[in-house]
Amino acid sequence: MSRVFAAQQTTRKNETDQYNAMQTIRSSEDPLQWWMARRDTLPMLAEMARKYLAIPATSVPCERLFSESGNVMTKKRTRLGSQTFSKIVFCRANERRYKTMFPDVEDIGCETDETDE
C-alpha cells in the first residue's frame, strides 16, 4: 500500500511542477476548455479544476442591484428619467463598494492582463 500512495504523491508533484511550467491562460480563453484540452497530461489537476471551476453562478449581485434600485425609485421619485435613475443607482453602488461615488482607476483595479497584448 505504501508504494501505491508514494506513487500517487510523486504523480501529484510532477503534475504540479508541469502545470507551473506551462504558459498562463489568456483572459479571453475559457478555463474549462483549457483544462479539457489538458486532461490527459494533467489528469488529477484537471479533475480538481473541473470540480471547482464548475461552481454555478448565483444571482446575488443582480438581486442586490434590484434591491438598491427599489430604494432609489420610491413613491416620491416616480418621475425620474431612466438615465438619471441609472446614474443614481451606479453612484450608490460605487459608494457602497468603493466608499466613494467616483473611484479612481487605481481604486477599482485594472481588469486587463498586460500579458495578453
PDB file of N, CA and C in Angstrom:
ATOM      1  N   MET A   1       0.820  -1.202   0.000  1.00  0.00           N
ATOM      2  CA  MET A   1       0.000   0.000   0.000  1.00  0.00           C
ATOM      3  C   MET A   1       0.861   1.263   0.000  1.00  0.00           C
ATOM      4  N   SER A   2       1.911   1.254   0.742  1.00  0.00           N
ATOM      5  CA  SER A   2       2.744   2.454   0.821  1.00  0.00           C
ATOM      6  C   SER A   2       3.339   2.804  -0.539  1.00  0.00           C
ATOM      7  N   ARG A   3       3.644   1.787  -1.375  1.00  0.00           N
ATOM      8  CA  ARG A   3       4.175   2.067  -2.715  1.00  0.00           C
ATOM      9  C   ARG A   3       3.124   2.750  -3.600  1.00  0.00           C
ATOM     10  N   VAL A   4       1.856   2.338  -3.463  1.00  0.00           N
ATOM     11  CA  VAL A   4       0.783   2.944  -4.258  1.00  0.00           C
ATOM     12  C   VAL A   4       0.619   4.406  -3.882  1.00  0.00           C
ATOM     13  N   PHE A   5       0.572   4.699  -2.579  1.00  0.00           N
ATOM     14  CA  PHE A   5       0.405   6.082  -2.137  1.00  0.00           C
ATOM     15  C   PHE A   5       1.633   6.921  -2.451  1.00  0.00           C
ATOM     16  N   ALA A   6       2.818   6.338  -2.375  1.00  0.00           N
ATOM     17  CA  ALA A   6       4.045   7.065  -2.731  1.00  0.00           C
ATOM     18  C   ALA A   6       4.030   7.425  -4.214  1.00  0.00           C
ATOM     19  N   ALA A   7       3.566   6.499  -5.051  1.00  0.00           N
ATOM     20  CA  ALA A   7       3.478   6.766  -6.490  1.00  0.00           C
ATOM     21  C   ALA A   7       2.489   7.889  -6.772  1.00  0.00           C
ATOM     22  N   GLN A   8       1.349   7.897  -6.078  1.00  0.00           N
ATOM     23  CA  GLN A   8       0.368   8.968  -6.265  1.00  0.00           C
ATOM     24  C   GLN A   8       0.955  10.304  -5.849  1.00  0.00           C
ATOM     25  N   GLN A   9       1.691  10.336  -4.745  1.00  0.00           N
ATOM     26  CA  GLN A   9       2.296  11.585  -4.269  1.00  0.00           C
ATOM     27  C   GLN A   9       3.279  12.112  -5.306  1.00  0.00           C
ATOM     28  N   THR A  10       4.086  11.228  -5.882  1.00  0.00           N
ATOM     29  CA  THR A  10       5.058  11.632  -6.900  1.00  0.00           C
ATOM     30  C   THR A  10       4.341  12.160  -8.138  1.00  0.00           C
ATOM     31  N   THR A  11       3.253  11.494  -8.553  1.00  0.00           N
ATOM     32  CA  THR A  11       2.492  11.927  -9.721  1.00  0.00           C
ATOM     33  C   THR A  11       1.895  13.310  -9.496  1.00  0.00           C
ATOM     34  N   ARG A  12       1.331  13.542  -8.313  1.00  0.00           N
ATOM     35  CA  ARG A  12       0.776  14.869  -7.993  1.00  0.00           C
ATOM     36  C   ARG A  12       1.854  15.939  -8.074  1.00  0.00           C
ATOM     37  N   LYS A  13       3.012  15.658  -7.506  1.00  0.00           N
ATOM     38  CA  LYS A  13       4.114  16.635  -7.525  1.00  0.00           C
ATOM     39  C   LYS A  13       4.553  16.897  -8.957  1.00  0.00           C
ATOM     40  N   ASN A  14       4.656  15.848  -9.767  1.00  0.00           N
ATOM     41  CA  ASN A  14       5.046  16.024 -11.170  1.00  0.00           C
ATOM     42  C   ASN A  14       4.010  16.845 -11.931  1.00  0.00           C
ATOM     43  N   GLU A  15       2.720  16.601 -11.687  1.00  0.00           N
ATOM     44  CA  GLU A  15       1.677  17.382 -12.341  1.00  0.00           C
ATOM     45  C   GLU A  15       1.744  18.840 -11.935  1.00  0.00           C
ATOM     46  N   THR A  16       1.966  19.086 -10.669  1.00  0.00           N
ATOM     47  CA  THR A  16       2.058  20.464 -10.183  1.00  0.00           C
ATOM     48  C   THR A  16       3.252  21.177 -10.804  1.00  0.00           C
ATOM     49  N   ASP A  17       4.384  20.497 -10.856  1.00  0.00           N
ATOM     50  CA  ASP A  17       5.572  21.095 -11.478  1.00  0.00           C
ATOM     51  C   ASP A  17       5.336  21.372 -12.958  1.00  0.00           C
ATOM     52  N   GLN A  18       4.702  20.423 -13.638  1.00  0.00           N
ATOM     53  CA  GLN A  18       4.417  20.577 -15.057  1.00  0.00           C
ATOM     54  C   GLN A  18       3.448  21.744 -15.278  1.00  0.00           C
ATOM     55  N   TYR A  19       2.429  21.845 -14.426  1.00  0.00           N
ATOM     56  CA  TYR A  19       1.452  22.940 -14.522  1.00  0.00           C
ATOM     57  C   TYR A  19       2.139  24.288 -14.305  1.00  0.00           C
ATOM     58  N   ASN A  20       3.003  24.372 -13.303  1.00  0.00           N
ATOM     59  CA  ASN A  20       3.696  25.630 -13.015  1.00  0.00           C
ATOM     60  C   ASN A  20       4.618  26.057 -14.148  1.00  0.00           C
ATOM     61  N   ALA A  21       5.109  25.102 -14.933  1.00  0.00           N
ATOM     62  CA  ALA A  21       5.997  25.418 -16.050  1.00  0.00           C
ATOM     63  C   ALA A  21       5.236  25.852 -17.299  1.00  0.00           C
ATOM     64  N   MET A  22       3.919  25.635 -17.326  1.00  0.00           N
ATOM     65  CA  MET A  22       3.113  25.985 -18.503  1.00  0.00           C
ATOM     66  C   MET A  22       2.902  27.491 -18.609  1.00  0.00           C
ATOM     67  N   GLN A  23       2.629  27.914 -19.851  1.00  0.00           N
ATOM     68  CA  GLN A  23       2.295  29.313 -20.094  1.00  0.00           C
ATOM     69  C   GLN A  23       0.920  29.597 -19.503  1.00  0.00           C
ATOM     70  N   THR A  24       0.723  30.789 -18.956  1.00  0.00           N
ATOM     71  CA  THR A  24      -0.559  31.126 -18.331  1.00  0.00           C
ATOM     72  C   THR A  24      -1.654  31.254 -19.382  1.00  0.00           C
ATOM     73  N   ILE A  25      -2.856  30.982 -18.947  1.00  0.00           N
ATOM     74  CA  ILE A  25      -4.030  31.067 -19.820  1.00  0.00           C
ATOM     75  C   ILE A  25      -4.371  32.537 -20.048  1.00  0.00           C
ATOM     76  N   ARG A  26      -4.807  32.844 -21.246  1.00  0.00           N
ATOM     77  CA  ARG A  26      -5.214  34.223 -21.546  1.00  0.00           C
ATOM     78  C   ARG A  26      -6.576  34.496 -20.930  1.00  0.00           C
ATOM     79  N   SER A  27      -6.857  35.738 -20.642  1.00  0.00           N
ATOM     80  CA  SER A  27      -8.134  36.092 -20.027  1.00  0.00           C
ATOM     81  C   SER A  27      -9.311  35.870 -20.978  1.00  0.00           C
ATOM     82  N   SER A  28      -9.042  35.807 -22.273  1.00  0.00           N
ATOM     83  CA  SER A  28     -10.118  35.588 -23.245  1.00  0.00           C
ATOM     84  C   SER A  28     -10.451  34.104 -23.420  1.00  0.00           C
ATOM     85  N   GLU A  29      -9.623  33.208 -22.892  1.00  0.00           N
ATOM     86  CA  GLU A  29      -9.860  31.770 -23.026  1.00  0.00           C
ATOM     87  C   GLU A  29     -10.806  31.257 -21.947  1.00  0.00           C
ATOM     88  N   ASP A  30     -11.518  30.194 -22.277  1.00  0.00           N
ATOM     89  CA  ASP A  30     -12.421  29.545 -21.335  1.00  0.00           C
ATOM     90  C   ASP A  30     -11.606  28.557 -20.491  1.00  0.00           C
ATOM     91  N   PRO A  31     -11.554  28.744 -19.165  1.00  0.00           N
ATOM     92  CA  PRO A  31     -10.751  27.849 -18.318  1.00  0.00           C
ATOM     93  C   PRO A  31     -11.186  26.388 -18.391  1.00  0.00           C
ATOM     94  N   LEU A  32     -12.489  26.145 -18.501  1.00  0.00           N
ATOM     95  CA  LEU A  32     -12.947  24.758 -18.582  1.00  0.00           C
ATOM     96  C   LEU A  32     -12.479  24.096 -19.874  1.00  0.00           C
ATOM     97  N   GLN A  33     -12.482  24.825 -20.982  1.00  0.00           N
ATOM     98  CA  GLN A  33     -11.981  24.283 -22.250  1.00  0.00           C
ATOM     99  C   GLN A  33     -10.464  24.054 -22.184  1.00  0.00           C
ATOM    100  N   TRP A  34      -9.753  24.963 -21.525  1.00  0.00           N
ATOM    101  CA  TRP A  34      -8.307  24.835 -21.375  1.00  0.00           C
ATOM    102  C   TRP A  34      -7.975  23.561 -20.611  1.00  0.00           C
ATOM    103  N   TRP A  35      -8.696  23.323 -19.520  1.00  0.00           N
ATOM    104  CA  TRP A  35      -8.454  22.113 -18.731  1.00  0.00           C
ATOM    105  C   TRP A  35      -8.898  20.867 -19.488  1.00  0.00           C
ATOM    106  N   MET A  36      -9.948  20.954 -20.272  1.00  0.00           N
ATOM    107  CA  MET A  36     -10.406  19.810 -21.055  1.00  0.00           C
ATOM    108  C   MET A  36      -9.316  19.381 -22.049  1.00  0.00           C
ATOM    109  N   ALA A  37      -8.651  20.356 -22.643  1.00  0.00           N
ATOM    110  CA  ALA A  37      -7.589  20.050 -23.606  1.00  0.00           C
ATOM    111  C   ALA A  37      -6.366  19.430 -22.932  1.00  0.00           C
ATOM    112  N   ARG A  38      -6.188  19.648 -21.638  1.00  0.00           N
ATOM    113  CA  ARG A  38      -5.010  19.152 -20.923  1.00  0.00           C
ATOM    114  C   ARG A  38      -5.321  18.031 -19.931  1.00  0.00           C
ATOM    115  N   ARG A  39      -6.504  17.453 -20.044  1.00  0.00           N
ATOM    116  CA  ARG A  39      -6.898  16.424 -19.084  1.00  0.00           C
ATOM    117  C   ARG A  39      -6.062  15.158 -19.192  1.00  0.00           C
ATOM    118  N   ASP A  40      -5.470  14.886 -20.355  1.00  0.00           N
ATOM    119  CA  ASP A  40      -4.631  13.694 -20.496  1.00  0.00           C
ATOM    120  C   ASP A  40      -3.249  13.894 -19.883  1.00  0.00           C
ATOM    121  N   THR A  41      -2.726  15.109 -19.964  1.00  0.00           N
ATOM    122  CA  THR A  41      -1.397  15.364 -19.405  1.00  0.00           C
ATOM    123  C   THR A  41      -1.438  15.703 -17.914  1.00  0.00           C
ATOM    124  N   LEU A  42      -2.539  16.284 -17.458  1.00  0.00           N
ATOM    125  CA  LEU A  42      -2.683  16.659 -16.045  1.00  0.00           C
ATOM    126  C   LEU A  42      -4.000  16.087 -15.493  1.00  0.00           C
ATOM    127  N   PRO A  43      -4.141  14.775 -15.404  1.00  0.00           N
ATOM    128  CA  PRO A  43      -5.452  14.194 -15.057  1.00  0.00           C
ATOM    129  C   PRO A  43      -5.970  14.567 -13.672  1.00  0.00           C
ATOM    130  N   MET A  44      -5.112  14.561 -12.657  1.00  0.00           N
ATOM    131  CA  MET A  44      -5.587  14.871 -11.295  1.00  0.00           C
ATOM    132  C   MET A  44      -5.941  16.342 -11.149  1.00  0.00           C
ATOM    133  N   LEU A  45      -5.084  17.206 -11.667  1.00  0.00           N
ATOM    134  CA  LEU A  45      -5.364  18.643 -11.587  1.00  0.00           C
ATOM    135  C   LEU A  45      -6.576  19.016 -12.441  1.00  0.00           C
ATOM    136  N   ALA A  46      -6.723  18.376 -13.597  1.00  0.00           N
ATOM    137  CA  ALA A  46      -7.878  18.662 -14.463  1.00  0.00           C
ATOM    138  C   ALA A  46      -9.182  18.267 -13.772  1.00  0.00           C
ATOM    139  N   GLU A  47      -9.175  17.148 -13.084  1.00  0.00           N
ATOM    140  CA  GLU A  47     -10.370  16.714 -12.350  1.00  0.00           C
ATOM    141  C   GLU A  47     -10.718  17.706 -11.243  1.00  0.00           C
ATOM    142  N   MET A  48      -9.690  18.159 -10.540  1.00  0.00           N
ATOM    143  CA  MET A  48      -9.904  19.133  -9.465  1.00  0.00           C
ATOM    144  C   MET A  48     -10.414  20.466 -10.047  1.00  0.00           C
ATOM    145  N   ALA A  49      -9.847  20.888 -11.167  1.00  0.00           N
ATOM    146  CA  ALA A  49     -10.292  22.133 -11.803  1.00  0.00           C
ATOM    147  C   ALA A  49     -11.739  22.019 -12.261  1.00  0.00           C
ATOM    148  N   ARG A  50     -12.097  20.862 -12.844  1.00  0.00           N
ATOM    149  CA  ARG A  50     -13.479  20.658 -13.297  1.00  0.00           C
ATOM    150  C   ARG A  50     -14.446  20.745 -12.124  1.00  0.00           C
ATOM    151  N   LYS A  51     -14.025  20.211 -11.007  1.00  0.00           N
ATOM    152  CA  LYS A  51     -14.887  20.226  -9.815  1.00  0.00           C
ATOM    153  C   LYS A  51     -15.085  21.639  -9.282  1.00  0.00           C
ATOM    154  N   TYR A  52     -14.003  22.411  -9.199  1.00  0.00           N
ATOM    155  CA  TYR A  52     -14.103  23.723  -8.558  1.00  0.00           C
ATOM    156  C   TYR A  52     -14.418  24.866  -9.515  1.00  0.00           C
ATOM    157  N   LEU A  53     -14.108  24.735 -10.794  1.00  0.00           N
ATOM    158  CA  LEU A  53     -14.427  25.798 -11.747  1.00  0.00           C
ATOM    159  C   LEU A  53     -15.873  25.738 -12.224  1.00  0.00           C
ATOM    160  N   ALA A  54     -16.544  24.639 -11.977  1.00  0.00           N
ATOM    161  CA  ALA A  54     -17.919  24.477 -12.440  1.00  0.00           C
ATOM    162  C   ALA A  54     -18.947  24.884 -11.394  1.00  0.00           C
ATOM    163  N   ILE A  55     -18.554  25.682 -10.431  1.00  0.00           N
ATOM    164  CA  ILE A  55     -19.491  26.147  -9.408  1.00  0.00           C
ATOM    165  C   ILE A  55     -20.526  27.044 -10.081  1.00  0.00           C
ATOM    166  N   PRO A  56     -21.810  26.770  -9.895  1.00  0.00           N
ATOM    167  CA  PRO A  56     -22.836  27.564 -10.572  1.00  0.00           C
ATOM    168  C   PRO A  56     -22.846  29.016 -10.103  1.00  0.00           C
ATOM    169  N   ALA A  57     -23.122  29.894 -11.027  1.00  0.00           N
ATOM    170  CA  ALA A  57     -23.202  31.323 -10.703  1.00  0.00           C
ATOM    171  C   ALA A  57     -24.451  31.592  -9.867  1.00  0.00           C
ATOM    172  N   THR A  58     -24.389  32.629  -9.063  1.00  0.00           N
ATOM    173  CA  THR A  58     -25.540  32.992  -8.247  1.00  0.00           C
ATOM    174  C   THR A  58     -26.135  34.296  -8.761  1.00  0.00           C
ATOM    175  N   SER A  59     -27.322  34.585  -8.326  1.00  0.00           N
ATOM    176  CA  SER A  59     -27.995  35.810  -8.740  1.00  0.00           C
ATOM    177  C   SER A  59     -27.904  36.895  -7.667  1.00  0.00           C
ATOM    178  N   VAL A  60     -27.009  36.711  -6.704  1.00  0.00           N
ATOM    179  CA  VAL A  60     -26.918  37.661  -5.596  1.00  0.00           C
ATOM    180  C   VAL A  60     -26.598  39.080  -6.067  1.00  0.00           C
ATOM    181  N   PRO A  61     -25.597  39.317  -6.924  1.00  0.00           N
ATOM    182  CA  PRO A  61     -25.342  40.700  -7.353  1.00  0.00           C
ATOM    183  C   PRO A  61     -26.534  41.328  -8.050  1.00  0.00           C
ATOM    184  N   CYS A  62     -27.237  40.546  -8.856  1.00  0.00           N
ATOM    185  CA  CYS A  62     -28.413  41.055  -9.556  1.00  0.00           C
ATOM    186  C   CYS A  62     -29.506  41.425  -8.556  1.00  0.00           C
ATOM    187  N   GLU A  63     -29.733  40.556  -7.581  1.00  0.00           N
ATOM    188  CA  GLU A  63     -30.756  40.826  -6.568  1.00  0.00           C
ATOM    189  C   GLU A  63     -30.389  42.039  -5.721  1.00  0.00           C
ATOM    190  N   ARG A  64     -29.110  42.178  -5.428  1.00  0.00           N
ATOM    191  CA  ARG A  64     -28.646  43.317  -4.641  1.00  0.00           C
ATOM    192  C   ARG A  64     -28.892  44.620  -5.403  1.00  0.00           C
ATOM    193  N   LEU A  65     -28.600  44.623  -6.712  1.00  0.00           N
ATOM    194  CA  LEU A  65     -28.822  45.804  -7.541  1.00  0.00           C
ATOM    195  C   LEU A  65     -30.311  46.115  -7.656  1.00  0.00           C
ATOM    196  N   PHE A  66     -31.122  45.082  -7.805  1.00  0.00           N
ATOM    197  CA  PHE A  66     -32.573  45.272  -7.877  1.00  0.00           C
ATOM    198  C   PHE A  66     -33.097  45.888  -6.582  1.00  0.00           C
ATOM    199  N   SER A  67     -32.581  45.417  -5.452  1.00  0.00           N
ATOM    200  CA  SER A  67     -32.989  45.953  -4.163  1.00  0.00           C
ATOM    201  C   SER A  67     -32.569  47.416  -4.029  1.00  0.00           C
ATOM    202  N   GLU A  68     -31.347  47.709  -4.452  1.00  0.00           N
ATOM    203  CA  GLU A  68     -30.862  49.094  -4.417  1.00  0.00           C
ATOM    204  C   GLU A  68     -31.713  49.986  -5.310  1.00  0.00           C
ATOM    205  N   SER A  69     -32.121  49.466  -6.455  1.00  0.00           N
ATOM    206  CA  SER A  69     -32.979  50.234  -7.365  1.00  0.00           C
ATOM    207  C   SER A  69     -34.308  50.570  -6.708  1.00  0.00           C
ATOM    208  N   GLY A  70     -34.836  49.625  -5.935  1.00  0.00           N
ATOM    209  CA  GLY A  70     -36.083  49.875  -5.213  1.00  0.00           C
ATOM    210  C   GLY A  70     -35.941  50.959  -4.167  1.00  0.00           C
ATOM    211  N   ASN A  71     -34.744  51.091  -3.611  1.00  0.00           N
ATOM    212  CA  ASN A  71     -34.502  52.157  -2.632  1.00  0.00           C
ATOM    213  C   ASN A  71     -34.382  53.522  -3.305  1.00  0.00           C
ATOM    214  N   VAL A  72     -33.976  53.539  -4.565  1.00  0.00           N
ATOM    215  CA  VAL A  72     -33.853  54.810  -5.298  1.00  0.00           C
ATOM    216  C   VAL A  72     -35.206  55.250  -5.840  1.00  0.00           C
ATOM    217  N   MET A  73     -35.934  54.336  -6.455  1.00  0.00           N
ATOM    218  CA  MET A  73     -37.228  54.659  -7.059  1.00  0.00           C
ATOM    219  C   MET A  73     -38.323  54.464  -6.009  1.00  0.00           C
ATOM    220  N   THR A  74     -38.628  55.530  -5.300  1.00  0.00           N
ATOM    221  CA  THR A  74     -39.650  55.484  -4.259  1.00  0.00           C
ATOM    222  C   THR A  74     -40.931  56.140  -4.768  1.00  0.00           C
ATOM    223  N   LYS A  75     -41.959  56.153  -3.938  1.00  0.00           N
ATOM    224  CA  LYS A  75     -43.228  56.784  -4.319  1.00  0.00           C
ATOM    225  C   LYS A  75     -43.054  58.264  -4.624  1.00  0.00           C
ATOM    226  N   LYS A  76     -42.108  58.897  -3.959  1.00  0.00           N
ATOM    227  CA  LYS A  76     -41.885  60.325  -4.166  1.00  0.00           C
ATOM    228  C   LYS A  76     -40.943  60.609  -5.340  1.00  0.00           C
ATOM    229  N   ARG A  77     -40.356  59.569  -5.924  1.00  0.00           N
ATOM    230  CA  ARG A  77     -39.397  59.758  -7.013  1.00  0.00           C
ATOM    231  C   ARG A  77     -39.815  58.997  -8.257  1.00  0.00           C
ATOM    232  N   THR A  78     -41.071  58.895  -8.535  1.00  0.00           N
ATOM    233  CA  THR A  78     -41.535  58.108  -9.673  1.00  0.00           C
ATOM    234  C   THR A  78     -41.336  58.799 -11.017  1.00  0.00           C
ATOM    235  N   ARG A  79     -40.960  60.063 -11.018  1.00  0.00           N
ATOM    236  CA  ARG A  79     -40.800  60.788 -12.276  1.00  0.00           C
ATOM    237  C   ARG A  79     -39.352  60.895 -12.718  1.00  0.00           C
ATOM    238  N   LEU A  80     -38.467  60.124 -12.094  1.00  0.00           N
ATOM    239  CA  LEU A  80     -37.067  60.128 -12.520  1.00  0.00           C
ATOM    240  C   LEU A  80     -36.949  59.564 -13.934  1.00  0.00           C
ATOM    241  N   GLY A  81     -36.129  60.218 -14.744  1.00  0.00           N
ATOM    242  CA  GLY A  81     -35.856  59.682 -16.082  1.00  0.00           C
ATOM    243  C   GLY A  81     -34.968  58.442 -15.976  1.00  0.00           C
ATOM    244  N   SER A  82     -34.980  57.612 -16.991  1.00  0.00           N
ATOM    245  CA  SER A  82     -34.222  56.355 -16.932  1.00  0.00           C
ATOM    246  C   SER A  82     -32.724  56.591 -16.837  1.00  0.00           C
ATOM    247  N   GLN A  83     -32.205  57.608 -17.528  1.00  0.00           N
ATOM    248  CA  GLN A  83     -30.772  57.888 -17.458  1.00  0.00           C
ATOM    249  C   GLN A  83     -30.377  58.405 -16.076  1.00  0.00           C
ATOM    250  N   THR A  84     -31.187  59.287 -15.527  1.00  0.00           N
ATOM    251  CA  THR A  84     -30.920  59.808 -14.178  1.00  0.00           C
ATOM    252  C   THR A  84     -30.988  58.680 -13.160  1.00  0.00           C
ATOM    253  N   PHE A  85     -31.988  57.837 -13.298  1.00  0.00           N
ATOM    254  CA  PHE A  85     -32.159  56.690 -12.406  1.00  0.00           C
ATOM    255  C   PHE A  85     -30.926  55.783 -12.461  1.00  0.00           C
ATOM    256  N   SER A  86     -30.458  55.454 -13.679  1.00  0.00           N
ATOM    257  CA  SER A  86     -29.285  54.589 -13.846  1.00  0.00           C
ATOM    258  C   SER A  86     -28.044  55.207 -13.208  1.00  0.00           C
ATOM    259  N   LYS A  87     -27.878  56.516 -13.373  1.00  0.00           N
ATOM    260  CA  LYS A  87     -26.707  57.187 -12.812  1.00  0.00           C
ATOM    261  C   LYS A  87     -26.743  57.191 -11.285  1.00  0.00           C
ATOM    262  N   ILE A  88     -27.907  57.390 -10.710  1.00  0.00           N
ATOM    263  CA  ILE A  88     -28.029  57.370  -9.246  1.00  0.00           C
ATOM    264  C   ILE A  88     -27.715  55.985  -8.701  1.00  0.00           C
ATOM    265  N   VAL A  89     -28.264  54.954  -9.339  1.00  0.00           N
ATOM    266  CA  VAL A  89     -28.001  53.571  -8.896  1.00  0.00           C
ATOM    267  C   VAL A  89     -26.518  53.259  -9.027  1.00  0.00           C
ATOM    268  N   PHE A  90     -25.890  53.678 -10.141  1.00  0.00           N
ATOM    269  CA  PHE A  90     -24.459  53.466 -10.358  1.00  0.00           C
ATOM    270  C   PHE A  90     -23.634  54.140  -9.262  1.00  0.00           C
ATOM    271  N   CYS A  91     -23.940  55.391  -8.967  1.00  0.00           N
ATOM    272  CA  CYS A  91     -23.202  56.127  -7.931  1.00  0.00           C
ATOM    273  C   CYS A  91     -23.378  55.491  -6.551  1.00  0.00           C
ATOM    274  N   ARG A  92     -24.585  55.063  -6.240  1.00  0.00           N
ATOM    275  CA  ARG A  92     -24.819  54.428  -4.934  1.00  0.00           C
ATOM    276  C   ARG A  92     -24.098  53.099  -4.825  1.00  0.00           C
ATOM    277  N   ALA A  93     -24.038  52.337  -5.933  1.00  0.00           N
ATOM    278  CA  ALA A  93     -23.304  51.066  -5.925  1.00  0.00           C
ATOM    279  C   ALA A  93     -21.811  51.321  -5.733  1.00  0.00           C
ATOM    280  N   ASN A  94     -21.273  52.365  -6.382  1.00  0.00           N
ATOM    281  CA  ASN A  94     -19.865  52.736  -6.181  1.00  0.00           C
ATOM    282  C   ASN A  94     -19.610  53.137  -4.744  1.00  0.00           C
ATOM    283  N   GLU A  95     -20.518  53.911  -4.188  1.00  0.00           N
ATOM    284  CA  GLU A  95     -20.373  54.356  -2.795  1.00  0.00           C
ATOM    285  C   GLU A  95     -20.302  53.160  -1.845  1.00  0.00           C
ATOM    286  N   ARG A  96     -21.156  52.200  -2.079  1.00  0.00           N
ATOM    287  CA  ARG A  96     -21.186  51.021  -1.214  1.00  0.00           C
ATOM    288  C   ARG A  96     -19.916  50.180  -1.396  1.00  0.00           C
ATOM    289  N   ARG A  97     -19.474  50.011  -2.648  1.00  0.00           N
ATOM    290  CA  ARG A  97     -18.333  49.127  -2.917  1.00  0.00           C
ATOM    291  C   ARG A  97     -16.986  49.792  -2.671  1.00  0.00           C
ATOM    292  N   TYR A  98     -16.812  51.041  -3.132  1.00  0.00           N
ATOM    293  CA  TYR A  98     -15.511  51.708  -3.069  1.00  0.00           C
ATOM    294  C   TYR A  98     -15.441  52.836  -2.051  1.00  0.00           C
ATOM    295  N   LYS A  99     -16.515  53.071  -1.321  1.00  0.00           N
ATOM    296  CA  LYS A  99     -16.599  54.139  -0.320  1.00  0.00           C
ATOM    297  C   LYS A  99     -16.494  55.526  -0.933  1.00  0.00           C
ATOM    298  N   THR A 100     -16.728  55.646  -2.224  1.00  0.00           N
ATOM    299  CA  THR A 100     -16.787  56.922  -2.918  1.00  0.00           C
ATOM    300  C   THR A 100     -17.621  56.742  -4.182  1.00  0.00           C
ATOM    301  N   MET A 101     -18.359  57.777  -4.571  1.00  0.00           N
ATOM    302  CA  MET A 101     -19.197  57.669  -5.759  1.00  0.00           C
ATOM    303  C   MET A 101     -18.376  57.659  -7.037  1.00  0.00           C
ATOM    304  N   PHE A 102     -17.208  58.279  -7.016  1.00  0.00           N
ATOM    305  CA  PHE A 102     -16.377  58.405  -8.202  1.00  0.00           C
ATOM    306  C   PHE A 102     -14.972  57.870  -7.916  1.00  0.00           C
ATOM    307  N   PRO A 103     -14.790  56.548  -7.922  1.00  0.00           N
ATOM    308  CA  PRO A 103     -13.488  55.975  -7.594  1.00  0.00           C
ATOM    309  C   PRO A 103     -12.461  56.208  -8.702  1.00  0.00           C
ATOM    310  N   ASP A 104     -11.187  56.301  -8.297  1.00  0.00           N
ATOM    311  CA  ASP A 104     -10.099  56.388  -9.255  1.00  0.00           C
ATOM    312  C   ASP A 104      -9.880  55.008  -9.871  1.00  0.00           C
ATOM    313  N   VAL A 105      -9.238  54.985 -11.007  1.00  0.00           N
ATOM    314  CA  VAL A 105      -8.959  53.709 -11.677  1.00  0.00           C
ATOM    315  C   VAL A 105      -8.119  52.809 -10.772  1.00  0.00           C
ATOM    316  N   GLU A 106      -7.196  53.390 -10.009  1.00  0.00           N
ATOM    317  CA  GLU A 106      -6.349  52.608  -9.108  1.00  0.00           C
ATOM    318  C   GLU A 106      -7.175  51.932  -8.011  1.00  0.00           C
ATOM    319  N   ASP A 107      -8.263  52.580  -7.581  1.00  0.00           N
ATOM    320  CA  ASP A 107      -9.133  52.009  -6.554  1.00  0.00           C
ATOM    321  C   ASP A 107      -9.904  50.806  -7.080  1.00  0.00           C
ATOM    322  N   ILE A 108     -10.290  50.859  -8.347  1.00  0.00           N
ATOM    323  CA  ILE A 108     -11.080  49.792  -8.942  1.00  0.00           C
ATOM    324  C   ILE A 108     -10.206  48.589  -9.245  1.00  0.00           C
ATOM    325  N   GLY A 109      -8.987  48.812  -9.680  1.00  0.00           N
ATOM    326  CA  GLY A 109      -8.111  47.716 -10.091  1.00  0.00           C
ATOM    327  C   GLY A 109      -8.293  47.463 -11.569  1.00  0.00           C
ATOM    328  N   CYS A 110      -7.204  47.301 -12.245  1.00  0.00           N
ATOM    329  CA  CYS A 110      -7.241  47.112 -13.694  1.00  0.00           C
ATOM    330  C   CYS A 110      -7.644  45.685 -14.021  1.00  0.00           C
ATOM    331  N   GLU A 111      -8.663  45.519 -14.862  1.00  0.00           N
ATOM    332  CA  GLU A 111      -9.186  44.201 -15.228  1.00  0.00           C
ATOM    333  C   GLU A 111      -8.411  43.570 -16.375  1.00  0.00           C
ATOM    334  N   THR A 112      -7.622  44.354 -17.129  1.00  0.00           N
ATOM    335  CA  THR A 112      -6.940  43.797 -18.286  1.00  0.00           C
ATOM    336  C   THR A 112      -5.636  43.149 -17.870  1.00  0.00           C
ATOM    337  N   ASP A 113      -5.223  42.159 -18.627  1.00  0.00           N
ATOM    338  CA  ASP A 113      -3.990  41.440 -18.388  1.00  0.00           C
ATOM    339  C   ASP A 113      -2.952  41.922 -19.391  1.00  0.00           C
ATOM    340  N   GLU A 114      -1.859  42.493 -18.919  1.00  0.00           N
ATOM    341  CA  GLU A 114      -0.862  43.059 -19.808  1.00  0.00           C
ATOM    342  C   GLU A 114      -0.175  41.996 -20.648  1.00  0.00           C
ATOM    343  N   THR A 115      -0.175  40.743 -20.226  1.00  0.00           N
ATOM    344  CA  THR A 115       0.479  39.677 -20.992  1.00  0.00           C
ATOM    345  C   THR A 115      -0.326  39.274 -22.202  1.00  0.00           C
ATOM    346  N   ASP A 116      -1.580  39.690 -22.327  1.00  0.00           N
ATOM    347  CA  ASP A 116      -2.423  39.350 -23.464  1.00  0.00           C
ATOM    348  C   ASP A 116      -2.131  40.172 -24.697  1.00  0.00           C
ATOM    349  N   GLU A 117      -1.386  41.245 -24.541  1.00  0.00           N
ATOM    350  CA  GLU A 117      -1.146  42.155 -25.664  1.00  0.00           C
ATOM    351  C   GLU A 117      -0.160  41.573 -26.643  1.00  0.00           C
TER     352      GLU A 117
END
